[in-house]
Amino acid sequence: MLSILKQPFPQAIFLAMAIPLVFSSQPLKANPMSLTQTEIDQKIQAIPQWQQQEQTITRTFKFKNFVEAIAFVNQLVEPAETAGHHPDLAISYNKVTVSLTTHDAGGLTQMDFDLAQTISELGN
């Protein structure tokens, strides 16, 4: 059998069959489903002070000074890493604007609302 693999044509067939098997054994990352506008409207009510802007939800947090704003941003690292979902952040002295969307889904998903809830708890 191995001697036949030394021939160019059978070797190509073997590789053509083996490569898909290697890649299919890798776990596939779930592609989250975008929420409908009705679902978004319902979920945004549970996270006060967040606003929808197109396919993004945003909230601006205000702090006493720059140091507190950066301390808040640093608190976001662990929950974002744990969720595997990372917010877009804009920092302006004592204000931090957090924006969430699920790029892979092309819109808002449950992941955005879950992380928004966690971030809201950290910001209070």
PDB file of N, CA and C in Angstrom:
ATOM      1  N   MET A   1       0.827  -1.193   0.000  1.00  0.00           N
ATOM      2  CA  MET A   1       0.000   0.000   0.000  1.00  0.00           C
ATOM      3  C   MET A   1       0.864   1.245   0.000  1.00  0.00           C
ATOM      4  N   LEU A   2       1.911   1.298   0.848  1.00  0.00           N
ATOM      5  CA  LEU A   2       2.753   2.483   0.908  1.00  0.00           C
ATOM      6  C   LEU A   2       3.490   2.722  -0.398  1.00  0.00           C
ATOM      7  N   SER A   3       3.859   1.665  -1.103  1.00  0.00           N
ATOM      8  CA  SER A   3       4.554   1.860  -2.366  1.00  0.00           C
ATOM      9  C   SER A   3       3.656   2.543  -3.396  1.00  0.00           C
ATOM     10  N   ILE A   4       2.370   2.305  -3.283  1.00  0.00           N
ATOM     11  CA  ILE A   4       1.453   2.944  -4.225  1.00  0.00           C
ATOM     12  C   ILE A   4       1.352   4.453  -3.955  1.00  0.00           C
ATOM     13  N   LEU A   5       1.596   4.860  -2.696  1.00  0.00           N
ATOM     14  CA  LEU A   5       1.546   6.283  -2.355  1.00  0.00           C
ATOM     15  C   LEU A   5       2.725   7.059  -2.925  1.00  0.00           C
ATOM     16  N   LYS A   6       3.759   6.340  -3.380  1.00  0.00           N
ATOM     17  CA  LYS A   6       4.914   7.008  -3.973  1.00  0.00           C
ATOM     18  C   LYS A   6       4.628   7.451  -5.398  1.00  0.00           C
ATOM     19  N   GLN A   7       3.557   6.967  -5.938  1.00  0.00           N
ATOM     20  CA  GLN A   7       3.170   7.353  -7.290  1.00  0.00           C
ATOM     21  C   GLN A   7       2.415   8.683  -7.218  1.00  0.00           C
ATOM     22  N   PRO A   8       2.635   9.610  -8.147  1.00  0.00           N
ATOM     23  CA  PRO A   8       2.028  10.940  -8.076  1.00  0.00           C
ATOM     24  C   PRO A   8       0.502  10.932  -8.024  1.00  0.00           C
ATOM     25  N   PHE A   9      -0.137  10.166  -8.868  1.00  0.00           N
ATOM     26  CA  PHE A   9      -1.595  10.201  -8.920  1.00  0.00           C
ATOM     27  C   PHE A   9      -2.236   9.655  -7.644  1.00  0.00           C
ATOM     28  N   PRO A  10      -1.880   8.453  -7.176  1.00  0.00           N
ATOM     29  CA  PRO A  10      -2.482   7.958  -5.931  1.00  0.00           C
ATOM     30  C   PRO A  10      -2.159   8.858  -4.727  1.00  0.00           C
ATOM     31  N   GLN A  11      -0.978   9.470  -4.736  1.00  0.00           N
ATOM     32  CA  GLN A  11      -0.611  10.369  -3.645  1.00  0.00           C
ATOM     33  C   GLN A  11      -1.560  11.576  -3.619  1.00  0.00           C
ATOM     34  N   ALA A  12      -1.878  12.095  -4.764  1.00  0.00           N
ATOM     35  CA  ALA A  12      -2.786  13.233  -4.846  1.00  0.00           C
ATOM     36  C   ALA A  12      -4.183  12.840  -4.373  1.00  0.00           C
ATOM     37  N   ILE A  13      -4.624  11.636  -4.736  1.00  0.00           N
ATOM     38  CA  ILE A  13      -5.945  11.167  -4.298  1.00  0.00           C
ATOM     39  C   ILE A  13      -5.949  11.011  -2.777  1.00  0.00           C
ATOM     40  N   PHE A  14      -4.887  10.436  -2.223  1.00  0.00           N
ATOM     41  CA  PHE A  14      -4.796  10.250  -0.774  1.00  0.00           C
ATOM     42  C   PHE A  14      -4.871  11.595  -0.059  1.00  0.00           C
ATOM     43  N   LEU A  15      -4.111  12.578  -0.539  1.00  0.00           N
ATOM     44  CA  LEU A  15      -4.124  13.897   0.084  1.00  0.00           C
ATOM     45  C   LEU A  15      -5.490  14.561  -0.057  1.00  0.00           C
ATOM     46  N   ALA A  16      -6.111  14.410  -1.206  1.00  0.00           N
ATOM     47  CA  ALA A  16      -7.424  15.001  -1.427  1.00  0.00           C
ATOM     48  C   ALA A  16      -8.461  14.418  -0.470  1.00  0.00           C
ATOM     49  N   MET A  17      -8.284  13.151  -0.108  1.00  0.00           N
ATOM     50  CA  MET A  17      -9.205  12.518   0.834  1.00  0.00           C
ATOM     51  C   MET A  17      -8.836  12.840   2.282  1.00  0.00           C
ATOM     52  N   ALA A  18      -7.560  12.982   2.588  1.00  0.00           N
ATOM     53  CA  ALA A  18      -7.114  13.172   3.964  1.00  0.00           C
ATOM     54  C   ALA A  18      -7.326  14.600   4.454  1.00  0.00           C
ATOM     55  N   ILE A  19      -7.104  15.580   3.614  1.00  0.00           N
ATOM     56  CA  ILE A  19      -7.199  16.983   4.050  1.00  0.00           C
ATOM     57  C   ILE A  19      -8.587  17.317   4.595  1.00  0.00           C
ATOM     58  N   PRO A  20      -9.676  16.978   3.907  1.00  0.00           N
ATOM     59  CA  PRO A  20     -10.987  17.289   4.484  1.00  0.00           C
ATOM     60  C   PRO A  20     -11.227  16.600   5.829  1.00  0.00           C
ATOM     61  N   LEU A  21     -10.677  15.390   6.007  1.00  0.00           N
ATOM     62  CA  LEU A  21     -10.843  14.692   7.279  1.00  0.00           C
ATOM     63  C   LEU A  21     -10.138  15.434   8.407  1.00  0.00           C
ATOM     64  N   VAL A  22      -8.967  15.968   8.141  1.00  0.00           N
ATOM     65  CA  VAL A  22      -8.224  16.715   9.155  1.00  0.00           C
ATOM     66  C   VAL A  22      -9.002  17.956   9.558  1.00  0.00           C
ATOM     67  N   PHE A  23      -9.481  18.704   8.588  1.00  0.00           N
ATOM     68  CA  PHE A  23     -10.183  19.938   8.896  1.00  0.00           C
ATOM     69  C   PHE A  23     -11.565  19.693   9.489  1.00  0.00           C
ATOM     70  N   SER A  24     -12.231  18.616   9.114  1.00  0.00           N
ATOM     71  CA  SER A  24     -13.558  18.363   9.662  1.00  0.00           C
ATOM     72  C   SER A  24     -13.495  17.914  11.109  1.00  0.00           C
ATOM     73  N   SER A  25     -12.341  17.474  11.588  1.00  0.00           N
ATOM     74  CA  SER A  25     -12.232  17.052  12.979  1.00  0.00           C
ATOM     75  C   SER A  25     -12.031  18.232  13.919  1.00  0.00           C
ATOM     76  N   GLN A  26     -11.807  19.421  13.369  1.00  0.00           N
ATOM     77  CA  GLN A  26     -11.648  20.618  14.191  1.00  0.00           C
ATOM     78  C   GLN A  26     -13.026  21.104  14.633  1.00  0.00           C
ATOM     79  N   PRO A  27     -13.158  21.535  15.907  1.00  0.00           N
ATOM     80  CA  PRO A  27     -14.461  22.048  16.337  1.00  0.00           C
ATOM     81  C   PRO A  27     -14.816  23.307  15.563  1.00  0.00           C
ATOM     82  N   LEU A  28     -16.062  23.406  15.185  1.00  0.00           N
ATOM     83  CA  LEU A  28     -16.526  24.566  14.443  1.00  0.00           C
ATOM     84  C   LEU A  28     -17.052  25.602  15.414  1.00  0.00           C
ATOM     85  N   LYS A  29     -16.723  26.857  15.178  1.00  0.00           N
ATOM     86  CA  LYS A  29     -17.221  27.944  16.008  1.00  0.00           C
ATOM     87  C   LYS A  29     -18.648  28.262  15.567  1.00  0.00           C
ATOM     88  N   ALA A  30     -19.541  28.338  16.535  1.00  0.00           N
ATOM     89  CA  ALA A  30     -20.933  28.619  16.216  1.00  0.00           C
ATOM     90  C   ALA A  30     -21.064  30.028  15.655  1.00  0.00           C
ATOM     91  N   ASN A  31     -21.837  30.158  14.624  1.00  0.00           N
ATOM     92  CA  ASN A  31     -22.109  31.461  14.053  1.00  0.00           C
ATOM     93  C   ASN A  31     -23.408  31.951  14.684  1.00  0.00           C
ATOM     94  N   PRO A  32     -23.312  32.954  15.579  1.00  0.00           N
ATOM     95  CA  PRO A  32     -24.512  33.404  16.273  1.00  0.00           C
ATOM     96  C   PRO A  32     -25.526  34.010  15.310  1.00  0.00           C
ATOM     97  N   MET A  33     -26.778  33.863  15.658  1.00  0.00           N
ATOM     98  CA  MET A  33     -27.856  34.374  14.819  1.00  0.00           C
ATOM     99  C   MET A  33     -28.189  35.808  15.221  1.00  0.00           C
ATOM    100  N   SER A  34     -28.378  36.667  14.231  1.00  0.00           N
ATOM    101  CA  SER A  34     -28.819  38.038  14.490  1.00  0.00           C
ATOM    102  C   SER A  34     -30.230  38.023  15.048  1.00  0.00           C
ATOM    103  N   LEU A  35     -30.487  38.963  15.944  1.00  0.00           N
ATOM    104  CA  LEU A  35     -31.814  39.103  16.511  1.00  0.00           C
ATOM    105  C   LEU A  35     -32.690  39.935  15.578  1.00  0.00           C
ATOM    106  N   THR A  36     -33.978  39.710  15.653  1.00  0.00           N
ATOM    107  CA  THR A  36     -34.911  40.536  14.895  1.00  0.00           C
ATOM    108  C   THR A  36     -35.067  41.871  15.621  1.00  0.00           C
ATOM    109  N   GLN A  37     -35.629  42.858  14.950  1.00  0.00           N
ATOM    110  CA  GLN A  37     -35.832  44.156  15.585  1.00  0.00           C
ATOM    111  C   GLN A  37     -36.783  44.043  16.776  1.00  0.00           C
ATOM    112  N   THR A  38     -37.767  43.183  16.683  1.00  0.00           N
ATOM    113  CA  THR A  38     -38.697  42.969  17.805  1.00  0.00           C
ATOM    114  C   THR A  38     -37.948  42.411  19.014  1.00  0.00           C
ATOM    115  N   GLU A  39     -37.062  41.436  18.779  1.00  0.00           N
ATOM    116  CA  GLU A  39     -36.269  40.872  19.876  1.00  0.00           C
ATOM    117  C   GLU A  39     -35.335  41.926  20.473  1.00  0.00           C
ATOM    118  N   ILE A  40     -34.735  42.743  19.617  1.00  0.00           N
ATOM    119  CA  ILE A  40     -33.846  43.813  20.080  1.00  0.00           C
ATOM    120  C   ILE A  40     -34.624  44.797  20.946  1.00  0.00           C
ATOM    121  N   ASP A  41     -35.799  45.192  20.497  1.00  0.00           N
ATOM    122  CA  ASP A  41     -36.628  46.136  21.254  1.00  0.00           C
ATOM    123  C   ASP A  41     -36.964  45.589  22.637  1.00  0.00           C
ATOM    124  N   GLN A  42     -37.226  44.302  22.731  1.00  0.00           N
ATOM    125  CA  GLN A  42     -37.542  43.674  24.020  1.00  0.00           C
ATOM    126  C   GLN A  42     -36.311  43.626  24.918  1.00  0.00           C
ATOM    127  N   LYS A  43     -35.190  43.231  24.355  1.00  0.00           N
ATOM    128  CA  LYS A  43     -33.978  43.049  25.152  1.00  0.00           C
ATOM    129  C   LYS A  43     -33.367  44.371  25.625  1.00  0.00           C
ATOM    130  N   ILE A  44     -33.494  45.402  24.846  1.00  0.00           N
ATOM    131  CA  ILE A  44     -32.884  46.679  25.222  1.00  0.00           C
ATOM    132  C   ILE A  44     -33.588  47.306  26.432  1.00  0.00           C
ATOM    133  N   GLN A  45     -34.822  46.914  26.659  1.00  0.00           N
ATOM    134  CA  GLN A  45     -35.536  47.407  27.833  1.00  0.00           C
ATOM    135  C   GLN A  45     -34.909  46.902  29.133  1.00  0.00           C
ATOM    136  N   ALA A  46     -34.233  45.773  29.081  1.00  0.00           N
ATOM    137  CA  ALA A  46     -33.615  45.183  30.270  1.00  0.00           C
ATOM    138  C   ALA A  46     -32.258  45.811  30.592  1.00  0.00           C
ATOM    139  N   ILE A  47     -31.741  46.653  29.710  1.00  0.00           N
ATOM    140  CA  ILE A  47     -30.432  47.285  29.939  1.00  0.00           C
ATOM    141  C   ILE A  47     -30.575  48.803  29.818  1.00  0.00           C
ATOM    142  N   PRO A  48     -31.084  49.435  30.878  1.00  0.00           N
ATOM    143  CA  PRO A  48     -31.303  50.883  30.835  1.00  0.00           C
ATOM    144  C   PRO A  48     -30.037  51.646  30.437  1.00  0.00           C
ATOM    145  N   GLN A  49     -30.226  52.747  29.781  1.00  0.00           N
ATOM    146  CA  GLN A  49     -29.191  53.679  29.333  1.00  0.00           C
ATOM    147  C   GLN A  49     -28.426  53.196  28.102  1.00  0.00           C
ATOM    148  N   TRP A  50     -28.697  52.008  27.615  1.00  0.00           N
ATOM    149  CA  TRP A  50     -28.115  51.560  26.350  1.00  0.00           C
ATOM    150  C   TRP A  50     -29.062  51.989  25.242  1.00  0.00           C
ATOM    151  N   GLN A  51     -28.477  52.361  24.112  1.00  0.00           N
ATOM    152  CA  GLN A  51     -29.275  52.796  22.970  1.00  0.00           C
ATOM    153  C   GLN A  51     -28.846  52.027  21.731  1.00  0.00           C
ATOM    154  N   GLN A  52     -29.807  51.763  20.883  1.00  0.00           N
ATOM    155  CA  GLN A  52     -29.498  51.113  19.614  1.00  0.00           C
ATOM    156  C   GLN A  52     -29.187  52.169  18.575  1.00  0.00           C
ATOM    157  N   GLN A  53     -28.112  51.950  17.843  1.00  0.00           N
ATOM    158  CA  GLN A  53     -27.750  52.774  16.693  1.00  0.00           C
ATOM    159  C   GLN A  53     -27.445  51.804  15.555  1.00  0.00           C
ATOM    160  N   GLU A  54     -28.409  51.655  14.670  1.00  0.00           N
ATOM    161  CA  GLU A  54     -28.327  50.683  13.576  1.00  0.00           C
ATOM    162  C   GLU A  54     -28.119  49.286  14.160  1.00  0.00           C
ATOM    163  N   GLN A  55     -27.034  48.605  13.812  1.00  0.00           N
ATOM    164  CA  GLN A  55     -26.786  47.236  14.280  1.00  0.00           C
ATOM    165  C   GLN A  55     -25.809  47.197  15.461  1.00  0.00           C
ATOM    166  N   THR A  56     -25.881  48.228  16.303  1.00  0.00           N
ATOM    167  CA  THR A  56     -24.977  48.367  17.449  1.00  0.00           C
ATOM    168  C   THR A  56     -25.779  48.863  18.637  1.00  0.00           C
ATOM    169  N   ILE A  57     -25.383  48.443  19.841  1.00  0.00           N
ATOM    170  CA  ILE A  57     -25.911  49.065  21.047  1.00  0.00           C
ATOM    171  C   ILE A  57     -24.757  49.783  21.731  1.00  0.00           C
ATOM    172  N   THR A  58     -25.040  50.969  22.271  1.00  0.00           N
ATOM    173  CA  THR A  58     -23.990  51.795  22.867  1.00  0.00           C
ATOM    174  C   THR A  58     -24.466  52.387  24.195  1.00  0.00           C
ATOM    175  N   ARG A  59     -23.478  52.682  25.017  1.00  0.00           N
ATOM    176  CA  ARG A  59     -23.734  53.394  26.264  1.00  0.00           C
ATOM    177  C   ARG A  59     -22.475  54.169  26.618  1.00  0.00           C
ATOM    178  N   THR A  60     -22.666  55.397  27.110  1.00  0.00           N
ATOM    179  CA  THR A  60     -21.540  56.202  27.571  1.00  0.00           C
ATOM    180  C   THR A  60     -21.572  56.251  29.091  1.00  0.00           C
ATOM    181  N   PHE A  61     -20.452  55.892  29.693  1.00  0.00           N
ATOM    182  CA  PHE A  61     -20.273  55.915  31.134  1.00  0.00           C
ATOM    183  C   PHE A  61     -19.429  57.148  31.479  1.00  0.00           C
ATOM    184  N   LYS A  62     -19.825  57.875  32.523  1.00  0.00           N
ATOM    185  CA  LYS A  62     -19.092  59.068  32.930  1.00  0.00           C
ATOM    186  C   LYS A  62     -18.492  58.830  34.322  1.00  0.00           C
ATOM    187  N   PHE A  63     -17.220  59.225  34.467  1.00  0.00           N
ATOM    188  CA  PHE A  63     -16.489  59.021  35.711  1.00  0.00           C
ATOM    189  C   PHE A  63     -15.945  60.345  36.233  1.00  0.00           C
ATOM    190  N   LYS A  64     -15.394  60.310  37.443  1.00  0.00           N
ATOM    191  CA  LYS A  64     -14.885  61.532  38.065  1.00  0.00           C
ATOM    192  C   LYS A  64     -13.680  62.085  37.316  1.00  0.00           C
ATOM    193  N   ASN A  65     -12.839  61.191  36.781  1.00  0.00           N
ATOM    194  CA  ASN A  65     -11.628  61.641  36.100  1.00  0.00           C
ATOM    195  C   ASN A  65     -11.121  60.552  35.148  1.00  0.00           C
ATOM    196  N   PHE A  66     -10.010  60.829  34.501  1.00  0.00           N
ATOM    197  CA  PHE A  66      -9.412  59.909  33.538  1.00  0.00           C
ATOM    198  C   PHE A  66      -8.982  58.595  34.181  1.00  0.00           C
ATOM    199  N   VAL A  67      -8.425  58.677  35.375  1.00  0.00           N
ATOM    200  CA  VAL A  67      -7.939  57.473  36.065  1.00  0.00           C
ATOM    201  C   VAL A  67      -9.095  56.502  36.312  1.00  0.00           C
ATOM    202  N   GLU A  68     -10.240  57.023  36.765  1.00  0.00           N
ATOM    203  CA  GLU A  68     -11.401  56.164  36.991  1.00  0.00           C
ATOM    204  C   GLU A  68     -11.940  55.581  35.677  1.00  0.00           C
ATOM    205  N   ALA A  69     -11.891  56.372  34.620  1.00  0.00           N
ATOM    206  CA  ALA A  69     -12.352  55.889  33.320  1.00  0.00           C
ATOM    207  C   ALA A  69     -11.493  54.713  32.843  1.00  0.00           C
ATOM    208  N   ILE A  70     -10.190  54.852  32.997  1.00  0.00           N
ATOM    209  CA  ILE A  70      -9.279  53.776  32.576  1.00  0.00           C
ATOM    210  C   ILE A  70      -9.424  52.558  33.476  1.00  0.00           C
ATOM    211  N   ALA A  71      -9.649  52.758  34.768  1.00  0.00           N
ATOM    212  CA  ALA A  71      -9.871  51.638  35.682  1.00  0.00           C
ATOM    213  C   ALA A  71     -11.106  50.843  35.242  1.00  0.00           C
ATOM    214  N   PHE A  72     -12.147  51.554  34.816  1.00  0.00           N
ATOM    215  CA  PHE A  72     -13.349  50.892  34.309  1.00  0.00           C
ATOM    216  C   PHE A  72     -13.030  50.072  33.060  1.00  0.00           C
ATOM    217  N   VAL A  73     -12.298  50.653  32.130  1.00  0.00           N
ATOM    218  CA  VAL A  73     -11.921  49.938  30.906  1.00  0.00           C
ATOM    219  C   VAL A  73     -11.146  48.663  31.258  1.00  0.00           C
ATOM    220  N   ASN A  74     -10.251  48.749  32.216  1.00  0.00           N
ATOM    221  CA  ASN A  74      -9.478  47.571  32.622  1.00  0.00           C
ATOM    222  C   ASN A  74     -10.372  46.478  33.201  1.00  0.00           C
ATOM    223  N   GLN A  75     -11.474  46.854  33.840  1.00  0.00           N
ATOM    224  CA  GLN A  75     -12.410  45.867  34.386  1.00  0.00           C
ATOM    225  C   GLN A  75     -13.151  45.115  33.279  1.00  0.00           C
ATOM    226  N   LEU A  76     -13.178  45.666  32.086  1.00  0.00           N
ATOM    227  CA  LEU A  76     -13.907  45.041  30.980  1.00  0.00           C
ATOM    228  C   LEU A  76     -13.139  43.890  30.339  1.00  0.00           C
ATOM    229  N   VAL A  77     -11.846  43.823  30.584  1.00  0.00           N
ATOM    230  CA  VAL A  77     -11.005  42.825  29.922  1.00  0.00           C
ATOM    231  C   VAL A  77     -11.448  41.403  30.248  1.00  0.00           C
ATOM    232  N   GLU A  78     -11.580  41.085  31.518  1.00  0.00           N
ATOM    233  CA  GLU A  78     -11.900  39.702  31.903  1.00  0.00           C
ATOM    234  C   GLU A  78     -13.252  39.229  31.371  1.00  0.00           C
ATOM    235  N   PRO A  79     -14.344  39.989  31.583  1.00  0.00           N
ATOM    236  CA  PRO A  79     -15.619  39.495  31.035  1.00  0.00           C
ATOM    237  C   PRO A  79     -15.632  39.408  29.506  1.00  0.00           C
ATOM    238  N   ALA A  80     -14.950  40.325  28.839  1.00  0.00           N
ATOM    239  CA  ALA A  80     -14.906  40.271  27.372  1.00  0.00           C
ATOM    240  C   ALA A  80     -14.131  39.044  26.899  1.00  0.00           C
ATOM    241  N   GLU A  81     -13.014  38.765  27.543  1.00  0.00           N
ATOM    242  CA  GLU A  81     -12.217  37.588  27.179  1.00  0.00           C
ATOM    243  C   GLU A  81     -12.982  36.307  27.478  1.00  0.00           C
ATOM    244  N   THR A  82     -13.638  36.263  28.630  1.00  0.00           N
ATOM    245  CA  THR A  82     -14.408  35.074  29.010  1.00  0.00           C
ATOM    246  C   THR A  82     -15.513  34.813  27.996  1.00  0.00           C
ATOM    247  N   ALA A  83     -16.178  35.879  27.562  1.00  0.00           N
ATOM    248  CA  ALA A  83     -17.272  35.737  26.594  1.00  0.00           C
ATOM    249  C   ALA A  83     -16.751  35.519  25.171  1.00  0.00           C
ATOM    250  N   GLY A  84     -15.475  35.830  24.941  1.00  0.00           N
ATOM    251  CA  GLY A  84     -14.953  35.764  23.569  1.00  0.00           C
ATOM    252  C   GLY A  84     -15.635  36.799  22.687  1.00  0.00           C
ATOM    253  N   HIS A  85     -15.986  37.910  23.311  1.00  0.00           N
ATOM    254  CA  HIS A  85     -16.756  38.956  22.616  1.00  0.00           C
ATOM    255  C   HIS A  85     -16.226  40.291  23.123  1.00  0.00           C
ATOM    256  N   HIS A  86     -15.749  41.120  22.232  1.00  0.00           N
ATOM    257  CA  HIS A  86     -15.017  42.321  22.634  1.00  0.00           C
ATOM    258  C   HIS A  86     -15.709  43.597  22.166  1.00  0.00           C
ATOM    259  N   PRO A  87     -15.911  44.525  23.108  1.00  0.00           N
ATOM    260  CA  PRO A  87     -16.576  45.780  22.750  1.00  0.00           C
ATOM    261  C   PRO A  87     -15.636  46.735  22.031  1.00  0.00           C
ATOM    262  N   ASP A  88     -16.224  47.645  21.297  1.00  0.00           N
ATOM    263  CA  ASP A  88     -15.476  48.785  20.767  1.00  0.00           C
ATOM    264  C   ASP A  88     -15.557  49.857  21.835  1.00  0.00           C
ATOM    265  N   LEU A  89     -14.429  50.511  22.115  1.00  0.00           N
ATOM    266  CA  LEU A  89     -14.360  51.496  23.189  1.00  0.00           C
ATOM    267  C   LEU A  89     -13.856  52.828  22.660  1.00  0.00           C
ATOM    268  N   ALA A  90     -14.465  53.905  23.153  1.00  0.00           N
ATOM    269  CA  ALA A  90     -13.984  55.257  22.854  1.00  0.00           C
ATOM    270  C   ALA A  90     -13.814  55.951  24.205  1.00  0.00           C
ATOM    271  N   ILE A  91     -12.607  56.450  24.456  1.00  0.00           N
ATOM    272  CA  ILE A  91     -12.300  57.092  25.730  1.00  0.00           C
ATOM    273  C   ILE A  91     -12.046  58.568  25.477  1.00  0.00           C
ATOM    274  N   SER A  92     -12.732  59.408  26.242  1.00  0.00           N
ATOM    275  CA  SER A  92     -12.545  60.842  26.158  1.00  0.00           C
ATOM    276  C   SER A  92     -12.485  61.384  27.586  1.00  0.00           C
ATOM    277  N   TYR A  93     -11.284  61.545  28.081  1.00  0.00           N
ATOM    278  CA  TYR A  93     -10.981  61.977  29.441  1.00  0.00           C
ATOM    279  C   TYR A  93     -11.745  61.158  30.477  1.00  0.00           C
ATOM    280  N   ASN A  94     -12.930  61.610  30.926  1.00  0.00           N
ATOM    281  CA  ASN A  94     -13.646  60.900  31.980  1.00  0.00           C
ATOM    282  C   ASN A  94     -14.876  60.141  31.452  1.00  0.00           C
ATOM    283  N   LYS A  95     -14.968  59.990  30.140  1.00  0.00           N
ATOM    284  CA  LYS A  95     -16.094  59.287  29.528  1.00  0.00           C
ATOM    285  C   LYS A  95     -15.591  58.089  28.729  1.00  0.00           C
ATOM    286  N   VAL A  96     -16.335  56.997  28.852  1.00  0.00           N
ATOM    287  CA  VAL A  96     -16.044  55.789  28.082  1.00  0.00           C
ATOM    288  C   VAL A  96     -17.319  55.394  27.361  1.00  0.00           C
ATOM    289  N   THR A  97     -17.266  55.377  26.042  1.00  0.00           N
ATOM    290  CA  THR A  97     -18.408  54.928  25.254  1.00  0.00           C
ATOM    291  C   THR A  97     -18.131  53.494  24.809  1.00  0.00           C
ATOM    292  N   VAL A  98     -19.063  52.617  25.154  1.00  0.00           N
ATOM    293  CA  VAL A  98     -18.954  51.194  24.834  1.00  0.00           C
ATOM    294  C   VAL A  98     -19.948  50.884  23.732  1.00  0.00           C
ATOM    295  N   SER A  99     -19.478  50.228  22.681  1.00  0.00           N
ATOM    296  CA  SER A  99     -20.334  49.825  21.562  1.00  0.00           C
ATOM    297  C   SER A  99     -20.210  48.323  21.371  1.00  0.00           C
ATOM    298  N   LEU A 100     -21.351  47.681  21.179  1.00  0.00           N
ATOM    299  CA  LEU A 100     -21.375  46.231  20.989  1.00  0.00           C
ATOM    300  C   LEU A 100     -22.150  45.865  19.732  1.00  0.00           C
ATOM    301  N   THR A 101     -21.600  44.951  18.988  1.00  0.00           N
ATOM    302  CA  THR A 101     -22.260  44.322  17.852  1.00  0.00           C
ATOM    303  C   THR A 101     -21.550  42.995  17.614  1.00  0.00           C
ATOM    304  N   THR A 102     -22.197  42.086  16.939  1.00  0.00           N
ATOM    305  CA  THR A 102     -21.565  40.808  16.615  1.00  0.00           C
ATOM    306  C   THR A 102     -21.249  40.822  15.125  1.00  0.00           C
ATOM    307  N   HIS A 103     -20.006  41.115  14.806  1.00  0.00           N
ATOM    308  CA  HIS A 103     -19.591  41.258  13.409  1.00  0.00           C
ATOM    309  C   HIS A 103     -19.838  39.983  12.611  1.00  0.00           C
ATOM    310  N   ASP A 104     -19.569  38.814  13.228  1.00  0.00           N
ATOM    311  CA  ASP A 104     -19.747  37.537  12.525  1.00  0.00           C
ATOM    312  C   ASP A 104     -21.194  37.318  12.086  1.00  0.00           C
ATOM    313  N   ALA A 105     -22.139  37.856  12.877  1.00  0.00           N
ATOM    314  CA  ALA A 105     -23.557  37.671  12.560  1.00  0.00           C
ATOM    315  C   ALA A 105     -24.112  38.825  11.743  1.00  0.00           C
ATOM    316  N   GLY A 106     -23.328  39.894  11.605  1.00  0.00           N
ATOM    317  CA  GLY A 106     -23.798  41.042  10.841  1.00  0.00           C
ATOM    318  C   GLY A 106     -24.877  41.836  11.554  1.00  0.00           C
ATOM    319  N   GLY A 107     -24.860  41.787  12.881  1.00  0.00           N
ATOM    320  CA  GLY A 107     -25.866  42.532  13.633  1.00  0.00           C
ATOM    321  C   GLY A 107     -25.803  42.208  15.113  1.00  0.00           C
ATOM    322  N   LEU A 108     -26.884  42.469  15.800  1.00  0.00           N
ATOM    323  CA  LEU A 108     -26.953  42.247  17.236  1.00  0.00           C
ATOM    324  C   LEU A 108     -27.393  40.821  17.541  1.00  0.00           C
ATOM    325  N   THR A 109     -26.748  40.239  18.561  1.00  0.00           N
ATOM    326  CA  THR A 109     -27.079  38.886  19.006  1.00  0.00           C
ATOM    327  C   THR A 109     -27.242  38.886  20.513  1.00  0.00           C
ATOM    328  N   GLN A 110     -27.622  37.745  21.050  1.00  0.00           N
ATOM    329  CA  GLN A 110     -27.761  37.600  22.495  1.00  0.00           C
ATOM    330  C   GLN A 110     -26.435  37.898  23.196  1.00  0.00           C
ATOM    331  N   MET A 111     -25.322  37.586  22.543  1.00  0.00           N
ATOM    332  CA  MET A 111     -24.003  37.862  23.134  1.00  0.00           C
ATOM    333  C   MET A 111     -23.841  39.346  23.458  1.00  0.00           C
ATOM    334  N   ASP A 112     -24.325  40.214  22.600  1.00  0.00           N
ATOM    335  CA  ASP A 112     -24.214  41.654  22.823  1.00  0.00           C
ATOM    336  C   ASP A 112     -24.988  42.073  24.071  1.00  0.00           C
ATOM    337  N   PHE A 113     -26.182  41.549  24.218  1.00  0.00           N
ATOM    338  CA  PHE A 113     -27.012  41.928  25.354  1.00  0.00           C
ATOM    339  C   PHE A 113     -26.495  41.332  26.665  1.00  0.00           C
ATOM    340  N   ASP A 114     -25.951  40.122  26.592  1.00  0.00           N
ATOM    341  CA  ASP A 114     -25.354  39.520  27.791  1.00  0.00           C
ATOM    342  C   ASP A 114     -24.153  40.339  28.265  1.00  0.00           C
ATOM    343  N   LEU A 115     -23.291  40.710  27.339  1.00  0.00           N
ATOM    344  CA  LEU A 115     -22.109  41.489  27.706  1.00  0.00           C
ATOM    345  C   LEU A 115     -22.507  42.894  28.153  1.00  0.00           C
ATOM    346  N   ALA A 116     -23.508  43.487  27.540  1.00  0.00           N
ATOM    347  CA  ALA A 116     -23.987  44.814  27.950  1.00  0.00           C
ATOM    348  C   ALA A 116     -24.478  44.776  29.396  1.00  0.00           C
ATOM    349  N   GLN A 117     -25.170  43.724  29.766  1.00  0.00           N
ATOM    350  CA  GLN A 117     -25.646  43.578  31.149  1.00  0.00           C
ATOM    351  C   GLN A 117     -24.477  43.514  32.116  1.00  0.00           C
ATOM    352  N   THR A 118     -23.476  42.728  31.780  1.00  0.00           N
ATOM    353  CA  THR A 118     -22.280  42.607  32.627  1.00  0.00           C
ATOM    354  C   THR A 118     -21.564  43.943  32.745  1.00  0.00           C
ATOM    355  N   ILE A 119     -21.405  44.641  31.631  1.00  0.00           N
ATOM    356  CA  ILE A 119     -20.718  45.938  31.624  1.00  0.00           C
ATOM    357  C   ILE A 119     -21.504  46.958  32.456  1.00  0.00           C
ATOM    358  N   SER A 120     -22.826  46.928  32.364  1.00  0.00           N
ATOM    359  CA  SER A 120     -23.649  47.839  33.145  1.00  0.00           C
ATOM    360  C   SER A 120     -23.432  47.618  34.640  1.00  0.00           C
ATOM    361  N   GLU A 121     -23.346  46.367  35.039  1.00  0.00           N
ATOM    362  CA  GLU A 121     -23.108  46.059  36.449  1.00  0.00           C
ATOM    363  C   GLU A 121     -21.748  46.576  36.910  1.00  0.00           C
ATOM    364  N   LEU A 122     -20.750  46.501  36.055  1.00  0.00           N
ATOM    365  CA  LEU A 122     -19.412  47.005  36.402  1.00  0.00           C
ATOM    366  C   LEU A 122     -19.385  48.521  36.464  1.00  0.00           C
ATOM    367  N   GLY A 123     -20.218  49.182  35.660  1.00  0.00           N
ATOM    368  CA  GLY A 123     -20.209  50.634  35.588  1.00  0.00           C
ATOM    369  C   GLY A 123     -21.024  51.326  36.667  1.00  0.00           C
ATOM    370  N   ASN A 124     -21.774  50.562  37.425  1.00  0.00           N
ATOM    371  CA  ASN A 124     -22.602  51.177  38.479  1.00  0.00           C
ATOM    372  C   ASN A 124     -21.865  51.278  39.794  1.00  0.00           C
TER     373      ASN A 124
END
